[in-house]
Amino acid sequence: MLTPEEKEKIIKKFQLNKNDTGSAEVRIAILSEEIKRLTEHLKNHKKDTTSKRGLLMKVGQRRALLLYLKRKNKKRYEKLIKKLGLREV
């Protein structure tokens, strides 16, 4: 789970304007950080099926948001995946 300070730092890095907290880019970046942390957790706790289910749900949410962004604005999509180091969907 991200602390409010960490979440705020991610929002500031990926926001489109000063008041942006819910754009696709911000939500994808937050989900990516949560996915990274859950992946690390599952390396140590292999039998934690509840966390594994949560991880799979977050991956699905991120994938849906990435497909939406790709459909709506290809340039912003390409810039974001490059910045986050993700593969194309």
PDB file of N, CA and C in Angstrom:
ATOM      1  N   MET A   1       0.839  -1.188   0.000  1.00  0.00           N
ATOM      2  CA  MET A   1       0.000   0.000   0.000  1.00  0.00           C
ATOM      3  C   MET A   1       0.880   1.246   0.000  1.00  0.00           C
ATOM      4  N   LEU A   2       0.522   2.205  -0.815  1.00  0.00           N
ATOM      5  CA  LEU A   2       1.279   3.445  -0.893  1.00  0.00           C
ATOM      6  C   LEU A   2       0.862   4.397   0.220  1.00  0.00           C
ATOM      7  N   THR A   3       1.838   5.101   0.763  1.00  0.00           N
ATOM      8  CA  THR A   3       1.513   6.131   1.744  1.00  0.00           C
ATOM      9  C   THR A   3       0.995   7.355   0.994  1.00  0.00           C
ATOM     10  N   PRO A   4       0.248   8.215   1.657  1.00  0.00           N
ATOM     11  CA  PRO A   4      -0.256   9.421   0.996  1.00  0.00           C
ATOM     12  C   PRO A   4       0.872  10.290   0.412  1.00  0.00           C
ATOM     13  N   GLU A   5       2.025  10.336   1.091  1.00  0.00           N
ATOM     14  CA  GLU A   5       3.145  11.141   0.594  1.00  0.00           C
ATOM     15  C   GLU A   5       3.702  10.556  -0.703  1.00  0.00           C
ATOM     16  N   GLU A   6       3.815   9.239  -0.769  1.00  0.00           N
ATOM     17  CA  GLU A   6       4.317   8.589  -1.979  1.00  0.00           C
ATOM     18  C   GLU A   6       3.340   8.776  -3.138  1.00  0.00           C
ATOM     19  N   LYS A   7       2.061   8.664  -2.834  1.00  0.00           N
ATOM     20  CA  LYS A   7       1.032   8.851  -3.850  1.00  0.00           C
ATOM     21  C   LYS A   7       1.070  10.287  -4.387  1.00  0.00           C
ATOM     22  N   GLU A   8       1.243  11.243  -3.495  1.00  0.00           N
ATOM     23  CA  GLU A   8       1.319  12.652  -3.884  1.00  0.00           C
ATOM     24  C   GLU A   8       2.519  12.901  -4.801  1.00  0.00           C
ATOM     25  N   LYS A   9       3.641  12.259  -4.494  1.00  0.00           N
ATOM     26  CA  LYS A   9       4.846  12.405  -5.310  1.00  0.00           C
ATOM     27  C   LYS A   9       4.616  11.867  -6.733  1.00  0.00           C
ATOM     28  N   ILE A  10       3.930  10.727  -6.833  1.00  0.00           N
ATOM     29  CA  ILE A  10       3.619  10.142  -8.145  1.00  0.00           C
ATOM     30  C   ILE A  10       2.663  11.049  -8.905  1.00  0.00           C
ATOM     31  N   ILE A  11       1.664  11.576  -8.209  1.00  0.00           N
ATOM     32  CA  ILE A  11       0.691  12.469  -8.851  1.00  0.00           C
ATOM     33  C   ILE A  11       1.400  13.691  -9.420  1.00  0.00           C
ATOM     34  N   LYS A  12       2.284  14.310  -8.635  1.00  0.00           N
ATOM     35  CA  LYS A  12       3.001  15.498  -9.106  1.00  0.00           C
ATOM     36  C   LYS A  12       3.855  15.192 -10.329  1.00  0.00           C
ATOM     37  N   LYS A  13       4.420  13.999 -10.395  1.00  0.00           N
ATOM     38  CA  LYS A  13       5.290  13.630 -11.506  1.00  0.00           C
ATOM     39  C   LYS A  13       4.515  13.396 -12.804  1.00  0.00           C
ATOM     40  N   PHE A  14       3.285  12.874 -12.711  1.00  0.00           N
ATOM     41  CA  PHE A  14       2.552  12.469 -13.906  1.00  0.00           C
ATOM     42  C   PHE A  14       1.327  13.322 -14.231  1.00  0.00           C
ATOM     43  N   GLN A  15       1.002  14.314 -13.401  1.00  0.00           N
ATOM     44  CA  GLN A  15      -0.198  15.101 -13.652  1.00  0.00           C
ATOM     45  C   GLN A  15      -0.038  15.968 -14.901  1.00  0.00           C
ATOM     46  N   LEU A  16      -1.172  16.210 -15.569  1.00  0.00           N
ATOM     47  CA  LEU A  16      -1.185  17.000 -16.795  1.00  0.00           C
ATOM     48  C   LEU A  16      -1.250  18.497 -16.504  1.00  0.00           C
ATOM     49  N   ASN A  17      -1.925  18.858 -15.417  1.00  0.00           N
ATOM     50  CA  ASN A  17      -1.967  20.257 -14.985  1.00  0.00           C
ATOM     51  C   ASN A  17      -1.980  20.291 -13.459  1.00  0.00           C
ATOM     52  N   LYS A  18      -2.029  21.479 -12.901  1.00  0.00           N
ATOM     53  CA  LYS A  18      -1.887  21.659 -11.453  1.00  0.00           C
ATOM     54  C   LYS A  18      -2.947  20.916 -10.633  1.00  0.00           C
ATOM     55  N   ASN A  19      -4.166  20.836 -11.128  1.00  0.00           N
ATOM     56  CA  ASN A  19      -5.268  20.236 -10.371  1.00  0.00           C
ATOM     57  C   ASN A  19      -5.574  18.793 -10.768  1.00  0.00           C
ATOM     58  N   ASP A  20      -4.760  18.207 -11.622  1.00  0.00           N
ATOM     59  CA  ASP A  20      -5.028  16.864 -12.138  1.00  0.00           C
ATOM     60  C   ASP A  20      -4.630  15.794 -11.120  1.00  0.00           C
ATOM     61  N   THR A  21      -5.609  14.996 -10.700  1.00  0.00           N
ATOM     62  CA  THR A  21      -5.299  13.864  -9.815  1.00  0.00           C
ATOM     63  C   THR A  21      -5.911  12.577 -10.329  1.00  0.00           C
ATOM     64  N   GLY A  22      -6.718  12.630 -11.383  1.00  0.00           N
ATOM     65  CA  GLY A  22      -7.427  11.432 -11.820  1.00  0.00           C
ATOM     66  C   GLY A  22      -7.312  11.115 -13.289  1.00  0.00           C
ATOM     67  N   SER A  23      -6.348  11.702 -13.985  1.00  0.00           N
ATOM     68  CA  SER A  23      -6.197  11.384 -15.401  1.00  0.00           C
ATOM     69  C   SER A  23      -5.696   9.956 -15.552  1.00  0.00           C
ATOM     70  N   ALA A  24      -5.814   9.426 -16.748  1.00  0.00           N
ATOM     71  CA  ALA A  24      -5.383   8.052 -17.004  1.00  0.00           C
ATOM     72  C   ALA A  24      -3.903   7.879 -16.681  1.00  0.00           C
ATOM     73  N   GLU A  25      -3.079   8.871 -17.010  1.00  0.00           N
ATOM     74  CA  GLU A  25      -1.643   8.775 -16.753  1.00  0.00           C
ATOM     75  C   GLU A  25      -1.343   8.635 -15.260  1.00  0.00           C
ATOM     76  N   VAL A  26      -2.012   9.437 -14.452  1.00  0.00           N
ATOM     77  CA  VAL A  26      -1.790   9.397 -13.002  1.00  0.00           C
ATOM     78  C   VAL A  26      -2.241   8.055 -12.445  1.00  0.00           C
ATOM     79  N   ARG A  27      -3.401   7.592 -12.858  1.00  0.00           N
ATOM     80  CA  ARG A  27      -3.922   6.326 -12.342  1.00  0.00           C
ATOM     81  C   ARG A  27      -3.051   5.147 -12.772  1.00  0.00           C
ATOM     82  N   ILE A  28      -2.550   5.176 -14.004  1.00  0.00           N
ATOM     83  CA  ILE A  28      -1.667   4.107 -14.483  1.00  0.00           C
ATOM     84  C   ILE A  28      -0.363   4.114 -13.694  1.00  0.00           C
ATOM     85  N   ALA A  29       0.185   5.284 -13.422  1.00  0.00           N
ATOM     86  CA  ALA A  29       1.441   5.381 -12.670  1.00  0.00           C
ATOM     87  C   ALA A  29       1.267   4.856 -11.243  1.00  0.00           C
ATOM     88  N   ILE A  30       0.158   5.196 -10.603  1.00  0.00           N
ATOM     89  CA  ILE A  30      -0.099   4.707  -9.245  1.00  0.00           C
ATOM     90  C   ILE A  30      -0.268   3.197  -9.251  1.00  0.00           C
ATOM     91  N   LEU A  31      -1.036   2.681 -10.213  1.00  0.00           N
ATOM     92  CA  LEU A  31      -1.213   1.235 -10.305  1.00  0.00           C
ATOM     93  C   LEU A  31       0.114   0.533 -10.563  1.00  0.00           C
ATOM     94  N   SER A  32       0.972   1.128 -11.381  1.00  0.00           N
ATOM     95  CA  SER A  32       2.270   0.514 -11.681  1.00  0.00           C
ATOM     96  C   SER A  32       3.124   0.395 -10.430  1.00  0.00           C
ATOM     97  N   GLU A  33       3.109   1.413  -9.591  1.00  0.00           N
ATOM     98  CA  GLU A  33       3.877   1.360  -8.346  1.00  0.00           C
ATOM     99  C   GLU A  33       3.298   0.305  -7.401  1.00  0.00           C
ATOM    100  N   GLU A  34       1.970   0.229  -7.318  1.00  0.00           N
ATOM    101  CA  GLU A  34       1.341  -0.773  -6.461  1.00  0.00           C
ATOM    102  C   GLU A  34       1.635  -2.186  -6.971  1.00  0.00           C
ATOM    103  N   ILE A  35       1.643  -2.370  -8.286  1.00  0.00           N
ATOM    104  CA  ILE A  35       1.957  -3.663  -8.887  1.00  0.00           C
ATOM    105  C   ILE A  35       3.393  -4.061  -8.566  1.00  0.00           C
ATOM    106  N   LYS A  36       4.305  -3.098  -8.655  1.00  0.00           N
ATOM    107  CA  LYS A  36       5.701  -3.378  -8.349  1.00  0.00           C
ATOM    108  C   LYS A  36       5.851  -3.836  -6.893  1.00  0.00           C
ATOM    109  N   ARG A  37       5.173  -3.166  -5.984  1.00  0.00           N
ATOM    110  CA  ARG A  37       5.272  -3.523  -4.566  1.00  0.00           C
ATOM    111  C   ARG A  37       4.641  -4.885  -4.276  1.00  0.00           C
ATOM    112  N   LEU A  38       3.499  -5.163  -4.890  1.00  0.00           N
ATOM    113  CA  LEU A  38       2.859  -6.459  -4.676  1.00  0.00           C
ATOM    114  C   LEU A  38       3.712  -7.589  -5.240  1.00  0.00           C
ATOM    115  N   THR A  39       4.375  -7.345  -6.355  1.00  0.00           N
ATOM    116  CA  THR A  39       5.253  -8.345  -6.953  1.00  0.00           C
ATOM    117  C   THR A  39       6.397  -8.681  -6.004  1.00  0.00           C
ATOM    118  N   GLU A  40       6.993  -7.647  -5.412  1.00  0.00           N
ATOM    119  CA  GLU A  40       8.063  -7.875  -4.431  1.00  0.00           C
ATOM    120  C   GLU A  40       7.547  -8.654  -3.223  1.00  0.00           C
ATOM    121  N   HIS A  41       6.359  -8.312  -2.748  1.00  0.00           N
ATOM    122  CA  HIS A  41       5.762  -9.006  -1.611  1.00  0.00           C
ATOM    123  C   HIS A  41       5.564 -10.483  -1.939  1.00  0.00           C
ATOM    124  N   LEU A  42       5.079 -10.776  -3.148  1.00  0.00           N
ATOM    125  CA  LEU A  42       4.787 -12.157  -3.510  1.00  0.00           C
ATOM    126  C   LEU A  42       6.044 -12.988  -3.743  1.00  0.00           C
ATOM    127  N   LYS A  43       7.186 -12.345  -3.974  1.00  0.00           N
ATOM    128  CA  LYS A  43       8.433 -13.097  -4.082  1.00  0.00           C
ATOM    129  C   LYS A  43       8.792 -13.735  -2.746  1.00  0.00           C
ATOM    130  N   ASN A  44       8.473 -13.057  -1.649  1.00  0.00           N
ATOM    131  CA  ASN A  44       8.769 -13.569  -0.312  1.00  0.00           C
ATOM    132  C   ASN A  44       7.637 -14.416   0.265  1.00  0.00           C
ATOM    133  N   HIS A  45       6.407 -14.159  -0.166  1.00  0.00           N
ATOM    134  CA  HIS A  45       5.234 -14.837   0.391  1.00  0.00           C
ATOM    135  C   HIS A  45       4.470 -15.513  -0.751  1.00  0.00           C
ATOM    136  N   LYS A  46       5.001 -16.618  -1.219  1.00  0.00           N
ATOM    137  CA  LYS A  46       4.471 -17.289  -2.404  1.00  0.00           C
ATOM    138  C   LYS A  46       3.041 -17.810  -2.235  1.00  0.00           C
ATOM    139  N   LYS A  47       2.639 -18.136  -1.032  1.00  0.00           N
ATOM    140  CA  LYS A  47       1.318 -18.729  -0.805  1.00  0.00           C
ATOM    141  C   LYS A  47       0.237 -17.712  -0.458  1.00  0.00           C
ATOM    142  N   ASP A  48       0.543 -16.443  -0.557  1.00  0.00           N
ATOM    143  CA  ASP A  48      -0.421 -15.379  -0.237  1.00  0.00           C
ATOM    144  C   ASP A  48      -1.363 -15.188  -1.431  1.00  0.00           C
ATOM    145  N   THR A  49      -2.398 -16.017  -1.486  1.00  0.00           N
ATOM    146  CA  THR A  49      -3.288 -15.992  -2.648  1.00  0.00           C
ATOM    147  C   THR A  49      -4.158 -14.737  -2.708  1.00  0.00           C
ATOM    148  N   THR A  50      -4.465 -14.152  -1.577  1.00  0.00           N
ATOM    149  CA  THR A  50      -5.271 -12.934  -1.563  1.00  0.00           C
ATOM    150  C   THR A  50      -4.514 -11.782  -2.223  1.00  0.00           C
ATOM    151  N   SER A  51      -3.236 -11.669  -1.907  1.00  0.00           N
ATOM    152  CA  SER A  51      -2.427 -10.629  -2.538  1.00  0.00           C
ATOM    153  C   SER A  51      -2.237 -10.908  -4.017  1.00  0.00           C
ATOM    154  N   LYS A  52      -2.124 -12.169  -4.367  1.00  0.00           N
ATOM    155  CA  LYS A  52      -1.971 -12.530  -5.780  1.00  0.00           C
ATOM    156  C   LYS A  52      -3.218 -12.126  -6.569  1.00  0.00           C
ATOM    157  N   ARG A  53      -4.380 -12.358  -5.966  1.00  0.00           N
ATOM    158  CA  ARG A  53      -5.634 -11.969  -6.621  1.00  0.00           C
ATOM    159  C   ARG A  53      -5.690 -10.444  -6.779  1.00  0.00           C
ATOM    160  N   GLY A  54      -5.291  -9.719  -5.744  1.00  0.00           N
ATOM    161  CA  GLY A  54      -5.253  -8.263  -5.828  1.00  0.00           C
ATOM    162  C   GLY A  54      -4.300  -7.784  -6.904  1.00  0.00           C
ATOM    163  N   LEU A  55      -3.156  -8.450  -7.021  1.00  0.00           N
ATOM    164  CA  LEU A  55      -2.185  -8.104  -8.060  1.00  0.00           C
ATOM    165  C   LEU A  55      -2.790  -8.291  -9.443  1.00  0.00           C
ATOM    166  N   LEU A  56      -3.444  -9.416  -9.670  1.00  0.00           N
ATOM    167  CA  LEU A  56      -4.047  -9.682 -10.972  1.00  0.00           C
ATOM    168  C   LEU A  56      -5.145  -8.678 -11.301  1.00  0.00           C
ATOM    169  N   MET A  57      -5.893  -8.254 -10.286  1.00  0.00           N
ATOM    170  CA  MET A  57      -6.929  -7.249 -10.513  1.00  0.00           C
ATOM    171  C   MET A  57      -6.313  -5.900 -10.894  1.00  0.00           C
ATOM    172  N   LYS A  58      -5.232  -5.530 -10.228  1.00  0.00           N
ATOM    173  CA  LYS A  58      -4.558  -4.265 -10.542  1.00  0.00           C
ATOM    174  C   LYS A  58      -3.947  -4.301 -11.939  1.00  0.00           C
ATOM    175  N   VAL A  59      -3.383  -5.437 -12.328  1.00  0.00           N
ATOM    176  CA  VAL A  59      -2.824  -5.575 -13.671  1.00  0.00           C
ATOM    177  C   VAL A  59      -3.931  -5.413 -14.715  1.00  0.00           C
ATOM    178  N   GLY A  60      -5.097  -5.989 -14.449  1.00  0.00           N
ATOM    179  CA  GLY A  60      -6.232  -5.849 -15.361  1.00  0.00           C
ATOM    180  C   GLY A  60      -6.715  -4.411 -15.465  1.00  0.00           C
ATOM    181  N   GLN A  61      -6.759  -3.712 -14.334  1.00  0.00           N
ATOM    182  CA  GLN A  61      -7.170  -2.301 -14.340  1.00  0.00           C
ATOM    183  C   GLN A  61      -6.181  -1.462 -15.140  1.00  0.00           C
ATOM    184  N   ARG A  62      -4.883  -1.707 -14.915  1.00  0.00           N
ATOM    185  CA  ARG A  62      -3.869  -0.935 -15.634  1.00  0.00           C
ATOM    186  C   ARG A  62      -3.950  -1.201 -17.130  1.00  0.00           C
ATOM    187  N   ARG A  63      -4.161  -2.463 -17.483  1.00  0.00           N
ATOM    188  CA  ARG A  63      -4.264  -2.823 -18.902  1.00  0.00           C
ATOM    189  C   ARG A  63      -5.444  -2.113 -19.567  1.00  0.00           C
ATOM    190  N   ALA A  64      -6.584  -2.082 -18.882  1.00  0.00           N
ATOM    191  CA  ALA A  64      -7.763  -1.408 -19.420  1.00  0.00           C
ATOM    192  C   ALA A  64      -7.503   0.087 -19.594  1.00  0.00           C
ATOM    193  N   LEU A  65      -6.856   0.704 -18.624  1.00  0.00           N
ATOM    194  CA  LEU A  65      -6.546   2.136 -18.727  1.00  0.00           C
ATOM    195  C   LEU A  65      -5.547   2.403 -19.851  1.00  0.00           C
ATOM    196  N   LEU A  66      -4.572   1.517 -20.008  1.00  0.00           N
ATOM    197  CA  LEU A  66      -3.601   1.682 -21.095  1.00  0.00           C
ATOM    198  C   LEU A  66      -4.275   1.560 -22.465  1.00  0.00           C
ATOM    199  N   LEU A  67      -5.186   0.614 -22.601  1.00  0.00           N
ATOM    200  CA  LEU A  67      -5.913   0.470 -23.869  1.00  0.00           C
ATOM    201  C   LEU A  67      -6.778   1.698 -24.145  1.00  0.00           C
ATOM    202  N   TYR A  68      -7.412   2.224 -23.105  1.00  0.00           N
ATOM    203  CA  TYR A  68      -8.224   3.438 -23.250  1.00  0.00           C
ATOM    204  C   TYR A  68      -7.354   4.607 -23.722  1.00  0.00           C
ATOM    205  N   LEU A  69      -6.207   4.797 -23.068  1.00  0.00           N
ATOM    206  CA  LEU A  69      -5.321   5.908 -23.412  1.00  0.00           C
ATOM    207  C   LEU A  69      -4.774   5.741 -24.827  1.00  0.00           C
ATOM    208  N   LYS A  70      -4.452   4.516 -25.199  1.00  0.00           N
ATOM    209  CA  LYS A  70      -3.936   4.237 -26.549  1.00  0.00           C
ATOM    210  C   LYS A  70      -4.984   4.594 -27.599  1.00  0.00           C
ATOM    211  N   ARG A  71      -6.244   4.288 -27.294  1.00  0.00           N
ATOM    212  CA  ARG A  71      -7.331   4.571 -28.220  1.00  0.00           C
ATOM    213  C   ARG A  71      -7.610   6.073 -28.321  1.00  0.00           C
ATOM    214  N   LYS A  72      -7.523   6.789 -27.191  1.00  0.00           N
ATOM    215  CA  LYS A  72      -7.881   8.209 -27.167  1.00  0.00           C
ATOM    216  C   LYS A  72      -6.753   9.140 -27.594  1.00  0.00           C
ATOM    217  N   ASN A  73      -5.516   8.837 -27.171  1.00  0.00           N
ATOM    218  CA  ASN A  73      -4.405   9.744 -27.473  1.00  0.00           C
ATOM    219  C   ASN A  73      -3.108   8.946 -27.553  1.00  0.00           C
ATOM    220  N   LYS A  74      -2.746   8.567 -28.759  1.00  0.00           N
ATOM    221  CA  LYS A  74      -1.588   7.694 -28.989  1.00  0.00           C
ATOM    222  C   LYS A  74      -0.283   8.329 -28.509  1.00  0.00           C
ATOM    223  N   LYS A  75      -0.119   9.638 -28.684  1.00  0.00           N
ATOM    224  CA  LYS A  75       1.131  10.303 -28.275  1.00  0.00           C
ATOM    225  C   LYS A  75       1.321  10.246 -26.759  1.00  0.00           C
ATOM    226  N   ARG A  76       0.262  10.557 -26.013  1.00  0.00           N
ATOM    227  CA  ARG A  76       0.348  10.500 -24.549  1.00  0.00           C
ATOM    228  C   ARG A  76       0.609   9.074 -24.085  1.00  0.00           C
ATOM    229  N   TYR A  77       0.007   8.099 -24.770  1.00  0.00           N
ATOM    230  CA  TYR A  77       0.207   6.687 -24.438  1.00  0.00           C
ATOM    231  C   TYR A  77       1.672   6.298 -24.625  1.00  0.00           C
ATOM    232  N   GLU A  78       2.242   6.638 -25.767  1.00  0.00           N
ATOM    233  CA  GLU A  78       3.634   6.276 -26.052  1.00  0.00           C
ATOM    234  C   GLU A  78       4.599   6.954 -25.081  1.00  0.00           C
ATOM    235  N   LYS A  79       4.330   8.216 -24.766  1.00  0.00           N
ATOM    236  CA  LYS A  79       5.170   8.949 -23.817  1.00  0.00           C
ATOM    237  C   LYS A  79       5.117   8.288 -22.428  1.00  0.00           C
ATOM    238  N   LEU A  80       3.927   7.864 -22.010  1.00  0.00           N
ATOM    239  CA  LEU A  80       3.755   7.260 -20.688  1.00  0.00           C
ATOM    240  C   LEU A  80       4.447   5.905 -20.586  1.00  0.00           C
ATOM    241  N   ILE A  81       4.278   5.042 -21.588  1.00  0.00           N
ATOM    242  CA  ILE A  81       4.898   3.716 -21.473  1.00  0.00           C
ATOM    243  C   ILE A  81       6.420   3.816 -21.507  1.00  0.00           C
ATOM    244  N   LYS A  82       6.923   4.814 -22.241  1.00  0.00           N
ATOM    245  CA  LYS A  82       8.364   5.023 -22.248  1.00  0.00           C
ATOM    246  C   LYS A  82       8.843   5.495 -20.876  1.00  0.00           C
ATOM    247  N   LYS A  83       8.086   6.423 -20.265  1.00  0.00           N
ATOM    248  CA  LYS A  83       8.453   6.975 -18.958  1.00  0.00           C
ATOM    249  C   LYS A  83       8.392   5.918 -17.853  1.00  0.00           C
ATOM    250  N   LEU A  84       7.412   5.007 -17.941  1.00  0.00           N
ATOM    251  CA  LEU A  84       7.242   3.958 -16.928  1.00  0.00           C
ATOM    252  C   LEU A  84       8.042   2.697 -17.239  1.00  0.00           C
ATOM    253  N   GLY A  85       8.524   2.587 -18.466  1.00  0.00           N
ATOM    254  CA  GLY A  85       9.282   1.404 -18.847  1.00  0.00           C
ATOM    255  C   GLY A  85       8.407   0.175 -19.049  1.00  0.00           C
ATOM    256  N   LEU A  86       7.197   0.372 -19.577  1.00  0.00           N
ATOM    257  CA  LEU A  86       6.273  -0.726 -19.806  1.00  0.00           C
ATOM    258  C   LEU A  86       6.309  -1.186 -21.259  1.00  0.00           C
ATOM    259  N   ARG A  87       5.830  -2.409 -21.486  1.00  0.00           N
ATOM    260  CA  ARG A  87       5.693  -2.897 -22.856  1.00  0.00           C
ATOM    261  C   ARG A  87       4.382  -2.393 -23.420  1.00  0.00           C
ATOM    262  N   GLU A  88       4.287  -2.383 -24.758  1.00  0.00           N
ATOM    263  CA  GLU A  88       3.044  -1.953 -25.390  1.00  0.00           C
ATOM    264  C   GLU A  88       1.953  -2.978 -25.163  1.00  0.00           C
ATOM    265  N   VAL A  89       0.720  -2.481 -25.032  1.00  0.00           N
ATOM    266  CA  VAL A  89      -0.430  -3.361 -24.839  1.00  0.00           C
ATOM    267  C   VAL A  89      -1.038  -3.657 -26.173  1.00  0.00           C
TER     268      VAL A  89
END
